[in-house]
Amino acid sequence: MRSGPVRTFAVLTFGNWLSGAYLGLAAFLLLTGAGDGGDQTTGIFALMLAVPTGALLLSVVNSMGSWAQTDATIWCILACSYLFQAFLLGLVARASRRRRDVSGEVRASQMRPGRSSATLAVGDEP
């Protein structure tokens, strides 16, 4: 299977524990704080999770006027903000993993068959 930009975005957004935990928390807070019967405190926390990008997008919608301030617009802004921030968290997780790999640790998937990690030196090519 080819690795294209859509697959890379999906893997970075949904394929690590950090992004998954963030999206799970966002979904939980949105589901418990949404609607008329929802808890307002959890709704505020759900909005606070989307602060950096969500606030920017909400200010753009507010500048457009009242015609753009619908419930569907707000939900789409929150969803896009959560996905973008999960993508950024995926990039951070990948960068920290690569930094750890460069610092001398060798993954099992990078080793040649028949060699243990104890026989590889830091400068050896796997």
PDB file of N, CA and C in Angstrom:
ATOM      1  N   MET A   1       0.836  -1.174   0.000  1.00  0.00           N
ATOM      2  CA  MET A   1       0.000   0.000   0.000  1.00  0.00           C
ATOM      3  C   MET A   1       0.883   1.240   0.000  1.00  0.00           C
ATOM      4  N   ARG A   2       0.538   2.206  -0.810  1.00  0.00           N
ATOM      5  CA  ARG A   2       1.335   3.415  -0.909  1.00  0.00           C
ATOM      6  C   ARG A   2       1.084   4.338   0.265  1.00  0.00           C
ATOM      7  N   SER A   3       2.086   5.081   0.613  1.00  0.00           N
ATOM      8  CA  SER A   3       1.982   6.018   1.717  1.00  0.00           C
ATOM      9  C   SER A   3       1.819   7.423   1.156  1.00  0.00           C
ATOM     10  N   GLY A   4       0.610   7.896   1.123  1.00  0.00           N
ATOM     11  CA  GLY A   4       0.334   9.223   0.596  1.00  0.00           C
ATOM     12  C   GLY A   4       0.098  10.223   1.712  1.00  0.00           C
ATOM     13  N   PRO A   5      -0.227  11.453   1.343  1.00  0.00           N
ATOM     14  CA  PRO A   5      -0.429  12.482   2.363  1.00  0.00           C
ATOM     15  C   PRO A   5      -1.666  12.239   3.233  1.00  0.00           C
ATOM     16  N   VAL A   6      -2.702  11.648   2.671  1.00  0.00           N
ATOM     17  CA  VAL A   6      -3.907  11.378   3.468  1.00  0.00           C
ATOM     18  C   VAL A   6      -3.612  10.301   4.512  1.00  0.00           C
ATOM     19  N   ARG A   7      -2.892   9.271   4.102  1.00  0.00           N
ATOM     20  CA  ARG A   7      -2.536   8.201   5.041  1.00  0.00           C
ATOM     21  C   ARG A   7      -1.602   8.725   6.126  1.00  0.00           C
ATOM     22  N   THR A   8      -0.657   9.569   5.753  1.00  0.00           N
ATOM     23  CA  THR A   8       0.257  10.154   6.734  1.00  0.00           C
ATOM     24  C   THR A   8      -0.507  11.005   7.737  1.00  0.00           C
ATOM     25  N   PHE A   9      -1.454  11.817   7.242  1.00  0.00           N
ATOM     26  CA  PHE A   9      -2.276  12.630   8.146  1.00  0.00           C
ATOM     27  C   PHE A   9      -3.086  11.751   9.086  1.00  0.00           C
ATOM     28  N   ALA A  10      -3.673  10.693   8.557  1.00  0.00           N
ATOM     29  CA  ALA A  10      -4.490   9.801   9.391  1.00  0.00           C
ATOM     30  C   ALA A  10      -3.644   9.092  10.443  1.00  0.00           C
ATOM     31  N   VAL A  11      -2.463   8.636  10.063  1.00  0.00           N
ATOM     32  CA  VAL A  11      -1.597   7.937  11.018  1.00  0.00           C
ATOM     33  C   VAL A  11      -1.139   8.891  12.118  1.00  0.00           C
ATOM     34  N   LEU A  12      -0.761  10.103  11.742  1.00  0.00           N
ATOM     35  CA  LEU A  12      -0.312  11.059  12.747  1.00  0.00           C
ATOM     36  C   LEU A  12      -1.458  11.530  13.638  1.00  0.00           C
ATOM     37  N   THR A  13      -2.661  11.627  13.093  1.00  0.00           N
ATOM     38  CA  THR A  13      -3.787  12.134  13.866  1.00  0.00           C
ATOM     39  C   THR A  13      -4.399  11.069  14.768  1.00  0.00           C
ATOM     40  N   PHE A  14      -4.499   9.838  14.305  1.00  0.00           N
ATOM     41  CA  PHE A  14      -5.193   8.806  15.067  1.00  0.00           C
ATOM     42  C   PHE A  14      -4.297   7.653  15.508  1.00  0.00           C
ATOM     43  N   GLY A  15      -3.055   7.586  15.033  1.00  0.00           N
ATOM     44  CA  GLY A  15      -2.246   6.388  15.208  1.00  0.00           C
ATOM     45  C   GLY A  15      -1.290   6.378  16.373  1.00  0.00           C
ATOM     46  N   ASN A  16      -1.417   7.283  17.331  1.00  0.00           N
ATOM     47  CA  ASN A  16      -0.544   7.235  18.502  1.00  0.00           C
ATOM     48  C   ASN A  16      -1.365   7.474  19.754  1.00  0.00           C
ATOM     49  N   TRP A  17      -0.806   7.116  20.868  1.00  0.00           N
ATOM     50  CA  TRP A  17      -1.574   7.169  22.122  1.00  0.00           C
ATOM     51  C   TRP A  17      -1.833   8.606  22.560  1.00  0.00           C
ATOM     52  N   LEU A  18      -0.939   9.530  22.266  1.00  0.00           N
ATOM     53  CA  LEU A  18      -1.110  10.914  22.704  1.00  0.00           C
ATOM     54  C   LEU A  18      -2.292  11.568  21.989  1.00  0.00           C
ATOM     55  N   SER A  19      -2.350  11.415  20.684  1.00  0.00           N
ATOM     56  CA  SER A  19      -3.470  11.964  19.919  1.00  0.00           C
ATOM     57  C   SER A  19      -4.778  11.259  20.268  1.00  0.00           C
ATOM     58  N   GLY A  20      -4.701   9.946  20.461  1.00  0.00           N
ATOM     59  CA  GLY A  20      -5.902   9.195  20.830  1.00  0.00           C
ATOM     60  C   GLY A  20      -6.472   9.621  22.171  1.00  0.00           C
ATOM     61  N   ALA A  21      -5.589   9.851  23.137  1.00  0.00           N
ATOM     62  CA  ALA A  21      -6.044  10.312  24.455  1.00  0.00           C
ATOM     63  C   ALA A  21      -6.651  11.710  24.356  1.00  0.00           C
ATOM     64  N   TYR A  22      -6.033  12.576  23.560  1.00  0.00           N
ATOM     65  CA  TYR A  22      -6.560  13.926  23.379  1.00  0.00           C
ATOM     66  C   TYR A  22      -7.939  13.898  22.727  1.00  0.00           C
ATOM     67  N   LEU A  23      -8.078  13.128  21.646  1.00  0.00           N
ATOM     68  CA  LEU A  23      -9.370  13.051  20.967  1.00  0.00           C
ATOM     69  C   LEU A  23     -10.431  12.381  21.835  1.00  0.00           C
ATOM     70  N   GLY A  24     -10.019  11.373  22.606  1.00  0.00           N
ATOM     71  CA  GLY A  24     -10.968  10.730  23.516  1.00  0.00           C
ATOM     72  C   GLY A  24     -11.469  11.678  24.590  1.00  0.00           C
ATOM     73  N   LEU A  25     -10.566  12.458  25.163  1.00  0.00           N
ATOM     74  CA  LEU A  25     -10.960  13.442  26.167  1.00  0.00           C
ATOM     75  C   LEU A  25     -11.858  14.509  25.561  1.00  0.00           C
ATOM     76  N   ALA A  26     -11.524  14.965  24.365  1.00  0.00           N
ATOM     77  CA  ALA A  26     -12.353  15.968  23.692  1.00  0.00           C
ATOM     78  C   ALA A  26     -13.747  15.424  23.412  1.00  0.00           C
ATOM     79  N   ALA A  27     -13.828  14.196  22.923  1.00  0.00           N
ATOM     80  CA  ALA A  27     -15.140  13.602  22.645  1.00  0.00           C
ATOM     81  C   ALA A  27     -15.952  13.428  23.923  1.00  0.00           C
ATOM     82  N   PHE A  28     -15.296  12.967  24.987  1.00  0.00           N
ATOM     83  CA  PHE A  28     -16.004  12.791  26.266  1.00  0.00           C
ATOM     84  C   PHE A  28     -16.546  14.126  26.764  1.00  0.00           C
ATOM     85  N   LEU A  29     -15.711  15.168  26.748  1.00  0.00           N
ATOM     86  CA  LEU A  29     -16.158  16.473  27.230  1.00  0.00           C
ATOM     87  C   LEU A  29     -17.248  17.054  26.355  1.00  0.00           C
ATOM     88  N   LEU A  30     -17.153  16.862  25.046  1.00  0.00           N
ATOM     89  CA  LEU A  30     -18.207  17.371  24.167  1.00  0.00           C
ATOM     90  C   LEU A  30     -19.527  16.637  24.385  1.00  0.00           C
ATOM     91  N   LEU A  31     -19.462  15.324  24.554  1.00  0.00           N
ATOM     92  CA  LEU A  31     -20.700  14.562  24.732  1.00  0.00           C
ATOM     93  C   LEU A  31     -21.371  14.850  26.068  1.00  0.00           C
ATOM     94  N   THR A  32     -20.583  15.077  27.104  1.00  0.00           N
ATOM     95  CA  THR A  32     -21.191  15.369  28.402  1.00  0.00           C
ATOM     96  C   THR A  32     -21.590  16.825  28.548  1.00  0.00           C
ATOM     97  N   GLY A  33     -20.989  17.719  27.771  1.00  0.00           N
ATOM     98  CA  GLY A  33     -21.308  19.132  27.902  1.00  0.00           C
ATOM     99  C   GLY A  33     -22.187  19.693  26.805  1.00  0.00           C
ATOM    100  N   ALA A  34     -22.560  18.882  25.846  1.00  0.00           N
ATOM    101  CA  ALA A  34     -23.329  19.382  24.703  1.00  0.00           C
ATOM    102  C   ALA A  34     -24.822  19.380  24.998  1.00  0.00           C
ATOM    103  N   GLY A  35     -25.503  20.243  24.302  1.00  0.00           N
ATOM    104  CA  GLY A  35     -26.968  20.270  24.386  1.00  0.00           C
ATOM    105  C   GLY A  35     -27.488  21.061  25.564  1.00  0.00           C
ATOM    106  N   ASP A  36     -28.814  21.080  25.665  1.00  0.00           N
ATOM    107  CA  ASP A  36     -29.451  21.838  26.734  1.00  0.00           C
ATOM    108  C   ASP A  36     -29.307  21.151  28.083  1.00  0.00           C
ATOM    109  N   GLY A  37     -29.265  19.828  28.103  1.00  0.00           N
ATOM    110  CA  GLY A  37     -29.166  19.098  29.363  1.00  0.00           C
ATOM    111  C   GLY A  37     -27.742  18.828  29.800  1.00  0.00           C
ATOM    112  N   GLY A  38     -26.771  19.337  29.080  1.00  0.00           N
ATOM    113  CA  GLY A  38     -25.371  19.065  29.384  1.00  0.00           C
ATOM    114  C   GLY A  38     -24.840  19.916  30.520  1.00  0.00           C
ATOM    115  N   ASP A  39     -23.769  19.455  31.109  1.00  0.00           N
ATOM    116  CA  ASP A  39     -23.113  20.170  32.187  1.00  0.00           C
ATOM    117  C   ASP A  39     -22.293  21.315  31.587  1.00  0.00           C
ATOM    118  N   GLN A  40     -22.512  22.527  32.077  1.00  0.00           N
ATOM    119  CA  GLN A  40     -21.824  23.682  31.505  1.00  0.00           C
ATOM    120  C   GLN A  40     -20.330  23.674  31.814  1.00  0.00           C
ATOM    121  N   THR A  41     -19.935  23.105  32.933  1.00  0.00           N
ATOM    122  CA  THR A  41     -18.517  23.072  33.291  1.00  0.00           C
ATOM    123  C   THR A  41     -17.733  22.221  32.298  1.00  0.00           C
ATOM    124  N   THR A  42     -18.260  21.053  31.949  1.00  0.00           N
ATOM    125  CA  THR A  42     -17.546  20.221  30.980  1.00  0.00           C
ATOM    126  C   THR A  42     -17.572  20.840  29.590  1.00  0.00           C
ATOM    127  N   GLY A  43     -18.632  21.577  29.273  1.00  0.00           N
ATOM    128  CA  GLY A  43     -18.674  22.286  28.001  1.00  0.00           C
ATOM    129  C   GLY A  43     -17.596  23.350  27.913  1.00  0.00           C
ATOM    130  N   ILE A  44     -17.345  24.040  29.026  1.00  0.00           N
ATOM    131  CA  ILE A  44     -16.279  25.042  29.062  1.00  0.00           C
ATOM    132  C   ILE A  44     -14.922  24.367  28.891  1.00  0.00           C
ATOM    133  N   PHE A  45     -14.715  23.222  29.558  1.00  0.00           N
ATOM    134  CA  PHE A  45     -13.453  22.500  29.407  1.00  0.00           C
ATOM    135  C   PHE A  45     -13.272  21.998  27.969  1.00  0.00           C
ATOM    136  N   ALA A  46     -14.366  21.601  27.327  1.00  0.00           N
ATOM    137  CA  ALA A  46     -14.288  21.165  25.932  1.00  0.00           C
ATOM    138  C   ALA A  46     -13.864  22.323  25.036  1.00  0.00           C
ATOM    139  N   LEU A  47     -14.368  23.502  25.308  1.00  0.00           N
ATOM    140  CA  LEU A  47     -13.948  24.673  24.538  1.00  0.00           C
ATOM    141  C   LEU A  47     -12.506  25.057  24.854  1.00  0.00           C
ATOM    142  N   MET A  48     -12.092  24.868  26.100  1.00  0.00           N
ATOM    143  CA  MET A  48     -10.716  25.218  26.471  1.00  0.00           C
ATOM    144  C   MET A  48      -9.699  24.281  25.815  1.00  0.00           C
ATOM    145  N   LEU A  49     -10.090  23.047  25.515  1.00  0.00           N
ATOM    146  CA  LEU A  49      -9.187  22.143  24.794  1.00  0.00           C
ATOM    147  C   LEU A  49      -8.894  22.632  23.381  1.00  0.00           C
ATOM    148  N   ALA A  50      -9.818  23.391  22.822  1.00  0.00           N
ATOM    149  CA  ALA A  50      -9.679  23.863  21.446  1.00  0.00           C
ATOM    150  C   ALA A  50      -9.186  25.300  21.373  1.00  0.00           C
ATOM    151  N   VAL A  51      -8.652  25.829  22.476  1.00  0.00           N
ATOM    152  CA  VAL A  51      -8.345  27.260  22.554  1.00  0.00           C
ATOM    153  C   VAL A  51      -7.422  27.777  21.450  1.00  0.00           C
ATOM    154  N   PRO A  52      -6.264  27.234  21.204  1.00  0.00           N
ATOM    155  CA  PRO A  52      -5.387  27.935  20.247  1.00  0.00           C
ATOM    156  C   PRO A  52      -5.995  28.088  18.854  1.00  0.00           C
ATOM    157  N   THR A  53      -6.403  27.003  18.247  1.00  0.00           N
ATOM    158  CA  THR A  53      -6.937  27.107  16.889  1.00  0.00           C
ATOM    159  C   THR A  53      -8.426  27.412  16.896  1.00  0.00           C
ATOM    160  N   GLY A  54      -9.133  26.890  17.876  1.00  0.00           N
ATOM    161  CA  GLY A  54     -10.573  27.131  17.945  1.00  0.00           C
ATOM    162  C   GLY A  54     -10.905  28.589  18.177  1.00  0.00           C
ATOM    163  N   ALA A  55     -10.138  29.254  19.023  1.00  0.00           N
ATOM    164  CA  ALA A  55     -10.393  30.670  19.294  1.00  0.00           C
ATOM    165  C   ALA A  55     -10.147  31.517  18.053  1.00  0.00           C
ATOM    166  N   LEU A  56      -9.110  31.167  17.313  1.00  0.00           N
ATOM    167  CA  LEU A  56      -8.825  31.905  16.075  1.00  0.00           C
ATOM    168  C   LEU A  56      -9.960  31.722  15.064  1.00  0.00           C
ATOM    169  N   LEU A  57     -10.397  30.484  14.893  1.00  0.00           N
ATOM    170  CA  LEU A  57     -11.478  30.222  13.942  1.00  0.00           C
ATOM    171  C   LEU A  57     -12.797  30.842  14.395  1.00  0.00           C
ATOM    172  N   LEU A  58     -13.071  30.817  15.706  1.00  0.00           N
ATOM    173  CA  LEU A  58     -14.300  31.432  16.212  1.00  0.00           C
ATOM    174  C   LEU A  58     -14.274  32.948  16.040  1.00  0.00           C
ATOM    175  N   SER A  59     -13.111  33.566  16.170  1.00  0.00           N
ATOM    176  CA  SER A  59     -13.036  35.016  15.962  1.00  0.00           C
ATOM    177  C   SER A  59     -13.288  35.362  14.493  1.00  0.00           C
ATOM    178  N   VAL A  60     -12.849  34.493  13.584  1.00  0.00           N
ATOM    179  CA  VAL A  60     -13.130  34.717  12.160  1.00  0.00           C
ATOM    180  C   VAL A  60     -14.631  34.617  11.907  1.00  0.00           C
ATOM    181  N   VAL A  61     -15.279  33.633  12.510  1.00  0.00           N
ATOM    182  CA  VAL A  61     -16.728  33.474  12.332  1.00  0.00           C
ATOM    183  C   VAL A  61     -17.475  34.651  12.947  1.00  0.00           C
ATOM    184  N   ASN A  62     -17.029  35.121  14.095  1.00  0.00           N
ATOM    185  CA  ASN A  62     -17.690  36.282  14.713  1.00  0.00           C
ATOM    186  C   ASN A  62     -17.544  37.528  13.856  1.00  0.00           C
ATOM    187  N   SER A  63     -16.441  37.665  13.148  1.00  0.00           N
ATOM    188  CA  SER A  63     -16.259  38.842  12.304  1.00  0.00           C
ATOM    189  C   SER A  63     -17.145  38.801  11.059  1.00  0.00           C
ATOM    190  N   MET A  64     -17.611  37.608  10.684  1.00  0.00           N
ATOM    191  CA  MET A  64     -18.469  37.481   9.503  1.00  0.00           C
ATOM    192  C   MET A  64     -19.890  37.941   9.768  1.00  0.00           C
ATOM    193  N   GLY A  65     -20.297  37.954  10.995  1.00  0.00           N
ATOM    194  CA  GLY A  65     -21.644  38.401  11.313  1.00  0.00           C
ATOM    195  C   GLY A  65     -22.485  37.265  11.865  1.00  0.00           C
ATOM    196  N   SER A  66     -23.715  37.604  12.183  1.00  0.00           N
ATOM    197  CA  SER A  66     -24.594  36.638  12.847  1.00  0.00           C
ATOM    198  C   SER A  66     -25.046  35.513  11.922  1.00  0.00           C
ATOM    199  N   TRP A  67     -25.013  35.714  10.612  1.00  0.00           N
ATOM    200  CA  TRP A  67     -25.455  34.675   9.697  1.00  0.00           C
ATOM    201  C   TRP A  67     -24.538  33.453   9.743  1.00  0.00           C
ATOM    202  N   ALA A  68     -23.270  33.643  10.126  1.00  0.00           N
ATOM    203  CA  ALA A  68     -22.316  32.536  10.155  1.00  0.00           C
ATOM    204  C   ALA A  68     -22.275  31.839  11.513  1.00  0.00           C
ATOM    205  N   GLN A  69     -22.914  32.404  12.519  1.00  0.00           N
ATOM    206  CA  GLN A  69     -22.841  31.856  13.869  1.00  0.00           C
ATOM    207  C   GLN A  69     -23.960  30.850  14.121  1.00  0.00           C
ATOM    208  N   THR A  70     -23.912  29.746  13.427  1.00  0.00           N
ATOM    209  CA  THR A  70     -24.897  28.690  13.632  1.00  0.00           C
ATOM    210  C   THR A  70     -24.276  27.568  14.454  1.00  0.00           C
ATOM    211  N   ASP A  71     -25.108  26.681  14.951  1.00  0.00           N
ATOM    212  CA  ASP A  71     -24.605  25.544  15.732  1.00  0.00           C
ATOM    213  C   ASP A  71     -23.708  24.652  14.883  1.00  0.00           C
ATOM    214  N   ALA A  72     -24.088  24.442  13.632  1.00  0.00           N
ATOM    215  CA  ALA A  72     -23.289  23.585  12.753  1.00  0.00           C
ATOM    216  C   ALA A  72     -21.904  24.179  12.522  1.00  0.00           C
ATOM    217  N   THR A  73     -21.819  25.478  12.381  1.00  0.00           N
ATOM    218  CA  THR A  73     -20.525  26.130  12.193  1.00  0.00           C
ATOM    219  C   THR A  73     -19.644  25.944  13.411  1.00  0.00           C
ATOM    220  N   ILE A  74     -20.208  26.119  14.579  1.00  0.00           N
ATOM    221  CA  ILE A  74     -19.436  25.971  15.821  1.00  0.00           C
ATOM    222  C   ILE A  74     -18.962  24.531  15.981  1.00  0.00           C
ATOM    223  N   TRP A  75     -19.822  23.557  15.694  1.00  0.00           N
ATOM    224  CA  TRP A  75     -19.427  22.149  15.802  1.00  0.00           C
ATOM    225  C   TRP A  75     -18.325  21.807  14.805  1.00  0.00           C
ATOM    226  N   CYS A  76     -18.428  22.330  13.588  1.00  0.00           N
ATOM    227  CA  CYS A  76     -17.381  22.072  12.578  1.00  0.00           C
ATOM    228  C   CYS A  76     -16.059  22.714  12.983  1.00  0.00           C
ATOM    229  N   ILE A  77     -16.120  23.906  13.542  1.00  0.00           N
ATOM    230  CA  ILE A  77     -14.897  24.569  14.002  1.00  0.00           C
ATOM    231  C   ILE A  77     -14.247  23.757  15.118  1.00  0.00           C
ATOM    232  N   LEU A  78     -15.040  23.284  16.055  1.00  0.00           N
ATOM    233  CA  LEU A  78     -14.478  22.478  17.143  1.00  0.00           C
ATOM    234  C   LEU A  78     -13.874  21.179  16.614  1.00  0.00           C
ATOM    235  N   ALA A  79     -14.572  20.524  15.695  1.00  0.00           N
ATOM    236  CA  ALA A  79     -14.046  19.261  15.147  1.00  0.00           C
ATOM    237  C   ALA A  79     -12.748  19.489  14.384  1.00  0.00           C
ATOM    238  N   CYS A  80     -12.699  20.519  13.554  1.00  0.00           N
ATOM    239  CA  CYS A  80     -11.464  20.810  12.804  1.00  0.00           C
ATOM    240  C   CYS A  80     -10.330  21.195  13.753  1.00  0.00           C
ATOM    241  N   SER A  81     -10.653  21.951  14.789  1.00  0.00           N
ATOM    242  CA  SER A  81      -9.638  22.343  15.751  1.00  0.00           C
ATOM    243  C   SER A  81      -9.082  21.136  16.492  1.00  0.00           C
ATOM    244  N   TYR A  82      -9.957  20.232  16.920  1.00  0.00           N
ATOM    245  CA  TYR A  82      -9.500  19.020  17.616  1.00  0.00           C
ATOM    246  C   TYR A  82      -8.639  18.152  16.705  1.00  0.00           C
ATOM    247  N   LEU A  83      -9.041  17.995  15.457  1.00  0.00           N
ATOM    248  CA  LEU A  83      -8.258  17.174  14.527  1.00  0.00           C
ATOM    249  C   LEU A  83      -6.892  17.798  14.235  1.00  0.00           C
ATOM    250  N   PHE A  84      -6.861  19.107  14.056  1.00  0.00           N
ATOM    251  CA  PHE A  84      -5.593  19.776  13.790  1.00  0.00           C
ATOM    252  C   PHE A  84      -4.646  19.653  14.989  1.00  0.00           C
ATOM    253  N   GLN A  85      -5.176  19.831  16.183  1.00  0.00           N
ATOM    254  CA  GLN A  85      -4.325  19.731  17.367  1.00  0.00           C
ATOM    255  C   GLN A  85      -3.883  18.293  17.619  1.00  0.00           C
ATOM    256  N   ALA A  86      -4.724  17.312  17.300  1.00  0.00           N
ATOM    257  CA  ALA A  86      -4.304  15.916  17.412  1.00  0.00           C
ATOM    258  C   ALA A  86      -3.203  15.613  16.402  1.00  0.00           C
ATOM    259  N   PHE A  87      -3.284  16.217  15.198  1.00  0.00           N
ATOM    260  CA  PHE A  87      -2.223  16.073  14.208  1.00  0.00           C
ATOM    261  C   PHE A  87      -0.912  16.648  14.740  1.00  0.00           C
ATOM    262  N   LEU A  88      -0.981  17.827  15.357  1.00  0.00           N
ATOM    263  CA  LEU A  88       0.227  18.429  15.925  1.00  0.00           C
ATOM    264  C   LEU A  88       0.800  17.581  17.055  1.00  0.00           C
ATOM    265  N   LEU A  89      -0.061  17.009  17.880  1.00  0.00           N
ATOM    266  CA  LEU A  89       0.421  16.105  18.930  1.00  0.00           C
ATOM    267  C   LEU A  89       1.078  14.868  18.331  1.00  0.00           C
ATOM    268  N   GLY A  90       0.540  14.372  17.216  1.00  0.00           N
ATOM    269  CA  GLY A  90       1.158  13.249  16.521  1.00  0.00           C
ATOM    270  C   GLY A  90       2.534  13.604  15.991  1.00  0.00           C
ATOM    271  N   LEU A  91       2.688  14.826  15.481  1.00  0.00           N
ATOM    272  CA  LEU A  91       4.004  15.275  15.030  1.00  0.00           C
ATOM    273  C   LEU A  91       4.995  15.345  16.189  1.00  0.00           C
ATOM    274  N   VAL A  92       4.536  15.830  17.332  1.00  0.00           N
ATOM    275  CA  VAL A  92       5.405  15.900  18.516  1.00  0.00           C
ATOM    276  C   VAL A  92       5.806  14.501  18.968  1.00  0.00           C
ATOM    277  N   ALA A  93       4.853  13.587  18.975  1.00  0.00           N
ATOM    278  CA  ALA A  93       5.161  12.209  19.383  1.00  0.00           C
ATOM    279  C   ALA A  93       6.148  11.562  18.425  1.00  0.00           C
ATOM    280  N   ARG A  94       5.973  11.791  17.118  1.00  0.00           N
ATOM    281  CA  ARG A  94       6.904  11.222  16.135  1.00  0.00           C
ATOM    282  C   ARG A  94       8.294  11.837  16.279  1.00  0.00           C
ATOM    283  N   ALA A  95       8.354  13.145  16.504  1.00  0.00           N
ATOM    284  CA  ALA A  95       9.654  13.806  16.645  1.00  0.00           C
ATOM    285  C   ALA A  95      10.385  13.326  17.891  1.00  0.00           C
ATOM    286  N   SER A  96       9.664  13.133  18.983  1.00  0.00           N
ATOM    287  CA  SER A  96      10.324  12.649  20.202  1.00  0.00           C
ATOM    288  C   SER A  96      10.770  11.205  20.042  1.00  0.00           C
ATOM    289  N   ARG A  97      10.006  10.412  19.311  1.00  0.00           N
ATOM    290  CA  ARG A  97      10.391   9.031  19.054  1.00  0.00           C
ATOM    291  C   ARG A  97      11.632   8.979  18.174  1.00  0.00           C
ATOM    292  N   ARG A  98      11.692   9.831  17.162  1.00  0.00           N
ATOM    293  CA  ARG A  98      12.867   9.863  16.282  1.00  0.00           C
ATOM    294  C   ARG A  98      14.092  10.395  17.007  1.00  0.00           C
ATOM    295  N   ARG A  99      13.908  11.357  17.887  1.00  0.00           N
ATOM    296  CA  ARG A  99      15.037  11.866  18.657  1.00  0.00           C
ATOM    297  C   ARG A  99      15.600  10.769  19.542  1.00  0.00           C
ATOM    298  N   ARG A 100      14.727   9.976  20.135  1.00  0.00           N
ATOM    299  CA  ARG A 100      15.174   8.869  20.972  1.00  0.00           C
ATOM    300  C   ARG A 100      15.910   7.835  20.132  1.00  0.00           C
ATOM    301  N   ASP A 101      15.428   7.581  18.911  1.00  0.00           N
ATOM    302  CA  ASP A 101      16.096   6.624  18.023  1.00  0.00           C
ATOM    303  C   ASP A 101      17.471   7.128  17.597  1.00  0.00           C
ATOM    304  N   VAL A 102      17.597   8.403  17.331  1.00  0.00           N
ATOM    305  CA  VAL A 102      18.867   8.970  16.907  1.00  0.00           C
ATOM    306  C   VAL A 102      19.875   8.961  18.050  1.00  0.00           C
ATOM    307  N   SER A 103      19.386   9.065  19.270  1.00  0.00           N
ATOM    308  CA  SER A 103      20.299   9.148  20.409  1.00  0.00           C
ATOM    309  C   SER A 103      20.992   7.830  20.726  1.00  0.00           C
ATOM    310  N   GLY A 104      20.703   6.771  20.022  1.00  0.00           N
ATOM    311  CA  GLY A 104      21.449   5.536  20.211  1.00  0.00           C
ATOM    312  C   GLY A 104      20.609   4.295  20.398  1.00  0.00           C
ATOM    313  N   GLU A 105      19.336   4.436  20.626  1.00  0.00           N
ATOM    314  CA  GLU A 105      18.508   3.248  20.780  1.00  0.00           C
ATOM    315  C   GLU A 105      18.139   2.709  19.402  1.00  0.00           C
ATOM    316  N   VAL A 106      18.069   1.417  19.301  1.00  0.00           N
ATOM    317  CA  VAL A 106      17.738   0.776  18.034  1.00  0.00           C
ATOM    318  C   VAL A 106      16.442   0.014  18.230  1.00  0.00           C
ATOM    319  N   ARG A 107      15.490   0.251  17.344  1.00  0.00           N
ATOM    320  CA  ARG A 107      14.227  -0.481  17.421  1.00  0.00           C
ATOM    321  C   ARG A 107      14.423  -1.904  16.922  1.00  0.00           C
ATOM    322  N   ALA A 108      13.575  -2.789  17.395  1.00  0.00           N
ATOM    323  CA  ALA A 108      13.637  -4.184  16.952  1.00  0.00           C
ATOM    324  C   ALA A 108      13.293  -4.307  15.474  1.00  0.00           C
ATOM    325  N   SER A 109      12.440  -3.448  14.958  1.00  0.00           N
ATOM    326  CA  SER A 109      12.073  -3.527  13.546  1.00  0.00           C
ATOM    327  C   SER A 109      13.211  -3.079  12.634  1.00  0.00           C
ATOM    328  N   GLN A 110      14.197  -2.374  13.169  1.00  0.00           N
ATOM    329  CA  GLN A 110      15.308  -1.899  12.360  1.00  0.00           C
ATOM    330  C   GLN A 110      16.504  -2.840  12.400  1.00  0.00           C
ATOM    331  N   MET A 111      16.466  -3.857  13.230  1.00  0.00           N
ATOM    332  CA  MET A 111      17.611  -4.750  13.378  1.00  0.00           C
ATOM    333  C   MET A 111      17.608  -5.810  12.286  1.00  0.00           C
ATOM    334  N   ARG A 112      18.788  -6.262  11.926  1.00  0.00           N
ATOM    335  CA  ARG A 112      18.907  -7.363  10.978  1.00  0.00           C
ATOM    336  C   ARG A 112      18.542  -8.663  11.677  1.00  0.00           C
ATOM    337  N   PRO A 113      18.003  -9.608  10.930  1.00  0.00           N
ATOM    338  CA  PRO A 113      17.695 -10.897  11.546  1.00  0.00           C
ATOM    339  C   PRO A 113      18.984 -11.563  12.033  1.00  0.00           C
ATOM    340  N   GLY A 114      18.919 -12.149  13.207  1.00  0.00           N
ATOM    341  CA  GLY A 114      20.054 -12.874  13.750  1.00  0.00           C
ATOM    342  C   GLY A 114      20.961 -12.052  14.637  1.00  0.00           C
ATOM    343  N   ARG A 115      20.702 -10.760  14.790  1.00  0.00           N
ATOM    344  CA  ARG A 115      21.527  -9.923  15.664  1.00  0.00           C
ATOM    345  C   ARG A 115      20.662  -9.411  16.803  1.00  0.00           C
ATOM    346  N   SER A 116      21.158  -9.502  17.986  1.00  0.00           N
ATOM    347  CA  SER A 116      20.422  -8.974  19.129  1.00  0.00           C
ATOM    348  C   SER A 116      20.801  -7.515  19.312  1.00  0.00           C
ATOM    349  N   SER A 117      20.003  -6.805  20.098  1.00  0.00           N
ATOM    350  CA  SER A 117      20.288  -5.391  20.324  1.00  0.00           C
ATOM    351  C   SER A 117      21.547  -5.225  21.153  1.00  0.00           C
ATOM    352  N   ALA A 118      21.955  -6.244  21.896  1.00  0.00           N
ATOM    353  CA  ALA A 118      23.163  -6.128  22.712  1.00  0.00           C
ATOM    354  C   ALA A 118      24.419  -6.159  21.846  1.00  0.00           C
ATOM    355  N   THR A 119      24.354  -6.740  20.649  1.00  0.00           N
ATOM    356  CA  THR A 119      25.540  -6.817  19.793  1.00  0.00           C
ATOM    357  C   THR A 119      25.703  -5.583  18.924  1.00  0.00           C
ATOM    358  N   LEU A 120      24.703  -4.710  18.872  1.00  0.00           N
ATOM    359  CA  LEU A 120      24.814  -3.518  18.053  1.00  0.00           C
ATOM    360  C   LEU A 120      25.439  -2.391  18.866  1.00  0.00           C
ATOM    361  N   ALA A 121      26.418  -1.756  18.320  1.00  0.00           N
ATOM    362  CA  ALA A 121      27.009  -0.597  18.965  1.00  0.00           C
ATOM    363  C   ALA A 121      26.210   0.625  18.536  1.00  0.00           C
ATOM    364  N   VAL A 122      26.481   1.742  19.172  1.00  0.00           N
ATOM    365  CA  VAL A 122      25.721   2.951  18.882  1.00  0.00           C
ATOM    366  C   VAL A 122      25.938   3.391  17.442  1.00  0.00           C
ATOM    367  N   GLY A 123      27.112   3.292  16.908  1.00  0.00           N
ATOM    368  CA  GLY A 123      27.386   3.746  15.554  1.00  0.00           C
ATOM    369  C   GLY A 123      27.108   2.735  14.476  1.00  0.00           C
ATOM    370  N   ASP A 124      26.761   1.477  14.843  1.00  0.00           N
ATOM    371  CA  ASP A 124      26.500   0.428  13.844  1.00  0.00           C
ATOM    372  C   ASP A 124      25.285   0.737  13.025  1.00  0.00           C
ATOM    373  N   GLU A 125      25.325   0.347  11.801  1.00  0.00           N
ATOM    374  CA  GLU A 125      24.180   0.470  10.901  1.00  0.00           C
ATOM    375  C   GLU A 125      23.334  -0.788  11.063  1.00  0.00           C
ATOM    376  N   PRO A 126      22.045  -0.641  11.403  1.00  0.00           N
ATOM    377  CA  PRO A 126      21.200  -1.845  11.588  1.00  0.00           C
ATOM    378  C   PRO A 126      20.935  -2.578  10.303  1.00  0.00           C
TER     379      PRO A 126
END
